[in-house]
Amino acid sequence: MKLLFLVLIMLISSPEEKIKIKDPWLRISAEGQSTALFMKIENTTDAADTLYKVECDFAGRVEIHETYQQGEMMGMREVPFIVISPKSTFELKPRSHHIMVIKLKKDIKKGSQEDFTLYFKQAGKLKVKTTAQEMQMPKLEHKH
């Protein structure tokens, strides 16, 4: 009985969101291709949290990726998780960390709304609705 009471108190006393997802968007793409999911993940707590899995029902696979540079070459590779530091915001963006959505089962058209489930070690499961849009690549500085 004490444990049940403690769980109820914890649920009642912490209604605020531990993790907030801001500006989620998905790059438009075609069936059979890949796309990428971007967003800002805000951790409002005093403890780090970890994004370790992302799922959706319209792709063959979903992976957490990072972009890296090796000499003059840029590449992408899967990473097992992303740690969001306490009281901070981690941005998934083009040419950086992002979520790869692989082997699309349908076209992703501009303006379409798609659902994802994000899994965090502390905050648990979060549902996110994204809007598809065209890729806005940051301008690269050219060295002369």
Protein backbone atom coordinates (compact mmCIF):
# COMPACT_ATOMS: atom_id res chain seq x y z
CA MET A 1 0.00 0.00 0.00
CA LYS A 2 2.86 2.42 0.80
CA LEU A 3 4.39 1.82 -2.64
CA LEU A 4 1.09 2.49 -4.41
CA PHE A 5 0.68 5.71 -2.42
CA LEU A 6 4.24 6.78 -3.29
CA VAL A 7 3.65 6.12 -7.00
CA LEU A 8 0.42 8.16 -6.89
CA ILE A 9 2.21 11.04 -5.14
CA MET A 10 4.99 10.95 -7.77
CA LEU A 11 2.42 11.07 -10.59
CA ILE A 12 0.50 13.92 -8.98
CA SER A 13 3.53 15.97 -7.95
CA SER A 14 5.34 15.97 -11.31
CA PRO A 15 2.89 16.93 -14.04
CA GLU A 16 5.49 18.99 -15.93
CA GLU A 17 7.12 17.46 -18.98
CA LYS A 18 10.65 16.24 -18.34
CA ILE A 19 11.49 16.33 -22.06
CA LYS A 20 9.98 18.82 -24.51
CA ILE A 21 10.16 18.33 -28.27
CA LYS A 22 10.26 21.55 -30.27
CA ASP A 23 10.02 22.25 -34.02
CA PRO A 24 9.97 18.62 -35.23
CA TRP A 25 10.12 18.28 -39.02
CA LEU A 26 10.70 15.59 -41.60
CA ARG A 27 12.40 16.02 -44.97
CA ILE A 28 10.13 15.24 -47.96
CA SER A 29 11.07 12.05 -49.82
CA ALA A 30 9.73 9.22 -51.98
CA GLU A 31 8.60 5.66 -51.24
CA GLY A 32 11.56 3.25 -51.10
CA GLN A 33 13.98 6.07 -50.27
CA SER A 34 15.30 7.41 -46.96
CA THR A 35 14.57 10.67 -45.20
CA ALA A 36 15.61 12.40 -41.98
CA LEU A 37 13.80 13.68 -38.90
CA PHE A 38 14.99 16.84 -37.14
CA MET A 39 13.91 18.57 -33.90
CA LYS A 40 15.05 20.27 -30.72
CA ILE A 41 14.97 18.12 -27.56
CA GLU A 42 14.76 20.18 -24.37
CA ASN A 43 15.62 18.50 -21.06
CA THR A 44 13.98 20.52 -18.26
CA THR A 45 15.26 18.30 -15.42
CA ASP A 46 18.37 18.33 -13.24
CA ALA A 47 19.50 14.94 -14.61
CA ALA A 48 20.72 13.86 -18.03
CA ASP A 49 18.36 11.78 -20.18
CA THR A 50 19.11 9.50 -23.12
CA LEU A 51 17.26 9.07 -26.41
CA TYR A 52 17.94 5.45 -27.32
CA LYS A 53 15.29 4.46 -29.87
CA VAL A 54 12.89 6.01 -32.40
CA GLU A 55 10.05 4.20 -34.18
CA CYS A 56 7.46 4.90 -36.87
CA ASP A 57 5.14 2.63 -38.82
CA PHE A 58 5.91 3.93 -42.33
CA ALA A 59 9.59 2.91 -42.67
CA GLY A 60 11.59 -0.31 -42.73
CA ARG A 61 14.10 1.00 -40.19
CA VAL A 62 14.74 4.07 -38.04
CA GLU A 63 18.23 4.86 -36.74
CA ILE A 64 19.89 7.60 -34.70
CA HIS A 65 22.76 9.08 -36.79
CA GLU A 66 25.56 11.58 -36.51
CA THR A 67 27.44 13.38 -39.26
CA TYR A 68 31.21 13.32 -39.01
CA GLN A 69 34.15 14.70 -40.96
CA GLN A 70 37.25 12.71 -41.79
CA GLY A 71 39.76 14.85 -43.68
CA GLU A 72 37.88 16.39 -46.62
CA MET A 73 35.13 13.74 -46.55
CA MET A 74 31.84 13.99 -44.65
CA GLY A 75 29.89 10.90 -43.69
CA MET A 76 27.06 9.60 -41.54
CA ARG A 77 27.06 6.74 -39.08
CA GLU A 78 24.59 5.18 -36.68
CA VAL A 79 25.03 5.90 -32.96
CA PRO A 80 23.33 3.87 -30.20
CA PHE A 81 21.94 6.90 -28.33
CA ILE A 82 22.05 10.66 -27.74
CA VAL A 83 22.52 12.09 -24.23
CA ILE A 84 20.61 15.29 -23.46
CA SER A 85 22.38 17.15 -20.66
CA PRO A 86 20.39 18.54 -17.70
CA LYS A 87 18.68 21.90 -18.27
CA SER A 88 19.75 22.01 -21.93
CA THR A 89 18.48 21.67 -25.49
CA PHE A 90 19.98 19.22 -27.99
CA GLU A 91 19.27 20.06 -31.64
CA LEU A 92 18.97 17.41 -34.32
CA LYS A 93 19.67 19.27 -37.57
CA PRO A 94 21.07 18.82 -41.10
CA ARG A 95 24.82 18.05 -41.17
CA SER A 96 24.72 17.07 -37.50
CA HIS A 97 22.84 14.52 -35.34
CA HIS A 98 19.54 13.42 -36.92
CA ILE A 99 17.14 10.49 -37.12
CA MET A 100 17.46 8.45 -40.35
CA VAL A 101 14.16 7.03 -41.60
CA ILE A 102 15.09 4.21 -44.00
CA LYS A 103 13.13 2.34 -46.72
CA LEU A 104 10.00 4.49 -46.69
CA LYS A 105 6.75 2.57 -47.25
CA LYS A 106 5.07 5.67 -48.77
CA ASP A 107 5.84 9.07 -50.26
CA ILE A 108 6.45 11.86 -47.75
CA LYS A 109 4.89 14.93 -49.35
CA LYS A 110 5.31 18.57 -48.29
CA GLY A 111 2.92 19.40 -45.44
CA SER A 112 2.04 15.79 -44.56
CA GLN A 113 1.87 14.98 -40.85
CA GLU A 114 3.69 11.86 -39.61
CA ASP A 115 3.89 10.24 -36.16
CA PHE A 116 7.01 9.02 -34.38
CA THR A 117 7.61 7.43 -30.98
CA LEU A 118 10.77 8.51 -29.12
CA TYR A 119 12.15 6.36 -26.29
CA PHE A 120 14.05 8.02 -23.42
CA LYS A 121 15.69 6.24 -20.45
CA GLN A 122 14.20 8.69 -17.90
CA ALA A 123 11.19 10.33 -19.58
CA GLY A 124 9.95 7.09 -21.17
CA LYS A 125 7.95 6.97 -24.40
CA LEU A 126 7.00 10.23 -26.16
CA LYS A 127 4.75 10.53 -29.22
CA VAL A 128 5.71 13.24 -31.70
CA LYS A 129 3.79 14.56 -34.70
CA THR A 130 6.01 16.00 -37.42
CA THR A 131 5.30 18.03 -40.55
CA ALA A 132 7.15 17.25 -43.78
CA GLN A 133 8.98 20.09 -45.50
CA GLU A 134 11.74 20.71 -48.01
CA MET A 135 15.30 20.60 -46.78
CA GLN A 136 16.76 23.99 -45.90
CA MET A 137 20.50 23.41 -45.96
CA PRO A 138 22.69 25.80 -43.98
CA LYS A 139 25.04 27.81 -46.16
CA LEU A 140 28.63 26.58 -46.14
CA GLU A 141 31.41 29.08 -45.86
CA HIS A 142 33.77 28.88 -48.81
CA LYS A 143 37.46 29.20 -48.06
CA HIS A 144 39.47 31.09 -50.66
